[in-house]
Amino acid sequence: MNIDWALAGKVGGIGFGLVFGVLIVLASAIWLTGVIFKKLDSGRETEAGKDKKGV
């Protein structure tokens, strides 16, 4: 029984590539969620600040 190293390399390369690709997608999604929540939170702070200054 011979090992087909070309096929083993392809399978390993695709596996590593897929793992890193998924990690990049997840990291991007988490970063984008943080940016969105930061913008939403800063909008609330400015509205609250205007209400307090007007009193």
N, C-alpha and C. Protein backbone atom coordinates (compact mmCIF):
# COMPACT_ATOMS: atom_id res chain seq x y z
N MET A 1 0.85 -1.18 0.00
CA MET A 1 0.00 0.00 0.00
C MET A 1 0.89 1.24 0.00
N ASN A 2 0.76 2.03 -1.03
CA ASN A 2 1.56 3.25 -1.16
C ASN A 2 0.73 4.46 -0.74
N ILE A 3 1.40 5.44 -0.18
CA ILE A 3 0.74 6.68 0.22
C ILE A 3 0.87 7.66 -0.93
N ASP A 4 -0.25 8.23 -1.33
CA ASP A 4 -0.25 9.25 -2.38
C ASP A 4 -0.02 10.60 -1.71
N TRP A 5 1.25 11.02 -1.67
CA TRP A 5 1.61 12.23 -0.95
C TRP A 5 1.03 13.49 -1.60
N ALA A 6 0.81 13.45 -2.90
CA ALA A 6 0.21 14.60 -3.57
C ALA A 6 -1.22 14.81 -3.07
N LEU A 7 -1.97 13.73 -2.98
CA LEU A 7 -3.34 13.82 -2.47
C LEU A 7 -3.35 14.21 -1.00
N ALA A 8 -2.44 13.65 -0.22
CA ALA A 8 -2.36 14.00 1.20
C ALA A 8 -2.04 15.48 1.37
N GLY A 9 -1.15 16.00 0.54
CA GLY A 9 -0.83 17.43 0.59
C GLY A 9 -2.01 18.30 0.22
N LYS A 10 -2.76 17.87 -0.80
CA LYS A 10 -3.95 18.64 -1.20
C LYS A 10 -4.99 18.66 -0.08
N VAL A 11 -5.25 17.50 0.50
CA VAL A 11 -6.24 17.42 1.58
C VAL A 11 -5.80 18.26 2.77
N GLY A 12 -4.53 18.15 3.15
CA GLY A 12 -4.03 18.95 4.27
C GLY A 12 -4.06 20.43 3.98
N GLY A 13 -3.68 20.81 2.77
CA GLY A 13 -3.69 22.23 2.40
C GLY A 13 -5.09 22.81 2.38
N ILE A 14 -6.03 22.04 1.84
CA ILE A 14 -7.42 22.51 1.82
C ILE A 14 -7.95 22.62 3.24
N GLY A 15 -7.61 21.67 4.10
CA GLY A 15 -8.06 21.71 5.49
C GLY A 15 -7.52 22.93 6.23
N PHE A 16 -6.22 23.17 6.12
CA PHE A 16 -5.64 24.34 6.78
C PHE A 16 -6.21 25.63 6.21
N GLY A 17 -6.35 25.69 4.90
CA GLY A 17 -6.92 26.89 4.28
C GLY A 17 -8.34 27.15 4.73
N LEU A 18 -9.13 26.09 4.84
CA LEU A 18 -10.51 26.24 5.28
C LEU A 18 -10.58 26.72 6.72
N VAL A 19 -9.75 26.16 7.58
CA VAL A 19 -9.75 26.58 8.99
C VAL A 19 -9.38 28.06 9.11
N PHE A 20 -8.31 28.48 8.45
CA PHE A 20 -7.91 29.88 8.53
C PHE A 20 -8.93 30.79 7.88
N GLY A 21 -9.56 30.34 6.81
CA GLY A 21 -10.61 31.13 6.17
C GLY A 21 -11.79 31.35 7.09
N VAL A 22 -12.22 30.30 7.77
CA VAL A 22 -13.34 30.42 8.71
C VAL A 22 -12.96 31.33 9.87
N LEU A 23 -11.74 31.21 10.37
CA LEU A 23 -11.31 32.08 11.47
C LEU A 23 -11.28 33.54 11.05
N ILE A 24 -10.86 33.82 9.83
CA ILE A 24 -10.85 35.20 9.34
C ILE A 24 -12.27 35.74 9.22
N VAL A 25 -13.18 34.91 8.72
CA VAL A 25 -14.58 35.34 8.61
C VAL A 25 -15.17 35.62 9.99
N LEU A 26 -14.92 34.76 10.95
CA LEU A 26 -15.44 34.97 12.31
C LEU A 26 -14.84 36.21 12.96
N ALA A 27 -13.54 36.40 12.81
CA ALA A 27 -12.90 37.59 13.39
C ALA A 27 -13.46 38.86 12.76
N SER A 28 -13.69 38.84 11.46
CA SER A 28 -14.26 40.01 10.78
C SER A 28 -15.68 40.29 11.27
N ALA A 29 -16.46 39.24 11.45
CA ALA A 29 -17.84 39.41 11.92
C ALA A 29 -17.85 39.98 13.34
N ILE A 30 -16.97 39.50 14.20
CA ILE A 30 -16.91 40.02 15.57
C ILE A 30 -16.45 41.47 15.57
N TRP A 31 -15.46 41.80 14.75
CA TRP A 31 -14.97 43.18 14.66
C TRP A 31 -16.08 44.10 14.17
N LEU A 32 -16.80 43.68 13.13
CA LEU A 32 -17.86 44.50 12.57
C LEU A 32 -18.99 44.70 13.58
N THR A 33 -19.31 43.67 14.33
CA THR A 33 -20.33 43.79 15.37
C THR A 33 -19.90 44.80 16.43
N GLY A 34 -18.63 44.78 16.81
CA GLY A 34 -18.12 45.76 17.77
C GLY A 34 -18.20 47.18 17.25
N VAL A 35 -17.88 47.38 15.98
CA VAL A 35 -17.96 48.71 15.38
C VAL A 35 -19.40 49.21 15.38
N ILE A 36 -20.33 48.33 15.01
CA ILE A 36 -21.74 48.72 14.97
C ILE A 36 -22.24 49.08 16.36
N PHE A 37 -21.94 48.25 17.36
CA PHE A 37 -22.40 48.54 18.72
C PHE A 37 -21.75 49.80 19.28
N LYS A 38 -20.50 50.05 18.92
CA LYS A 38 -19.84 51.26 19.39
C LYS A 38 -20.51 52.50 18.82
N LYS A 39 -20.89 52.45 17.54
CA LYS A 39 -21.58 53.59 16.93
C LYS A 39 -22.96 53.78 17.54
N LEU A 40 -23.67 52.68 17.79
CA LEU A 40 -24.99 52.79 18.40
C LEU A 40 -24.88 53.35 19.82
N ASP A 41 -23.88 52.91 20.57
CA ASP A 41 -23.70 53.38 21.94
C ASP A 41 -23.30 54.85 21.98
N SER A 42 -22.45 55.28 21.05
CA SER A 42 -22.03 56.68 21.04
C SER A 42 -23.21 57.58 20.67
N GLY A 43 -24.12 57.09 19.86
CA GLY A 43 -25.32 57.86 19.53
C GLY A 43 -26.20 58.06 20.73
N ARG A 44 -26.31 57.05 21.57
CA ARG A 44 -27.11 57.16 22.79
C ARG A 44 -26.47 58.13 23.77
N GLU A 45 -25.14 58.11 23.86
CA GLU A 45 -24.45 59.00 24.80
C GLU A 45 -24.64 60.45 24.41
N THR A 46 -24.60 60.77 23.13
CA THR A 46 -24.77 62.16 22.71
C THR A 46 -26.19 62.63 22.98
N GLU A 47 -27.19 61.76 22.78
CA GLU A 47 -28.56 62.14 23.07
C GLU A 47 -28.75 62.35 24.57
N ALA A 48 -28.16 61.49 25.39
CA ALA A 48 -28.27 61.63 26.83
C ALA A 48 -27.56 62.89 27.30
N GLY A 49 -26.45 63.22 26.69
CA GLY A 49 -25.71 64.42 27.05
C GLY A 49 -26.49 65.68 26.72
N LYS A 50 -27.21 65.68 25.61
CA LYS A 50 -28.02 66.83 25.24
C LYS A 50 -29.16 67.03 26.23
N ASP A 51 -29.76 65.93 26.67
CA ASP A 51 -30.85 66.04 27.64
C ASP A 51 -30.35 66.60 28.96
N LYS A 52 -29.19 66.17 29.41
CA LYS A 52 -28.66 66.63 30.68
C LYS A 52 -28.24 68.10 30.60
N LYS A 53 -27.70 68.52 29.48
CA LYS A 53 -27.27 69.91 29.34
C LYS A 53 -28.46 70.85 29.27
N GLY A 54 -29.56 70.37 28.73
CA GLY A 54 -30.74 71.21 28.59
C GLY A 54 -31.46 71.45 29.90
N VAL A 55 -31.16 70.66 30.92
CA VAL A 55 -31.88 70.77 32.20
C VAL A 55 -31.34 71.86 33.04
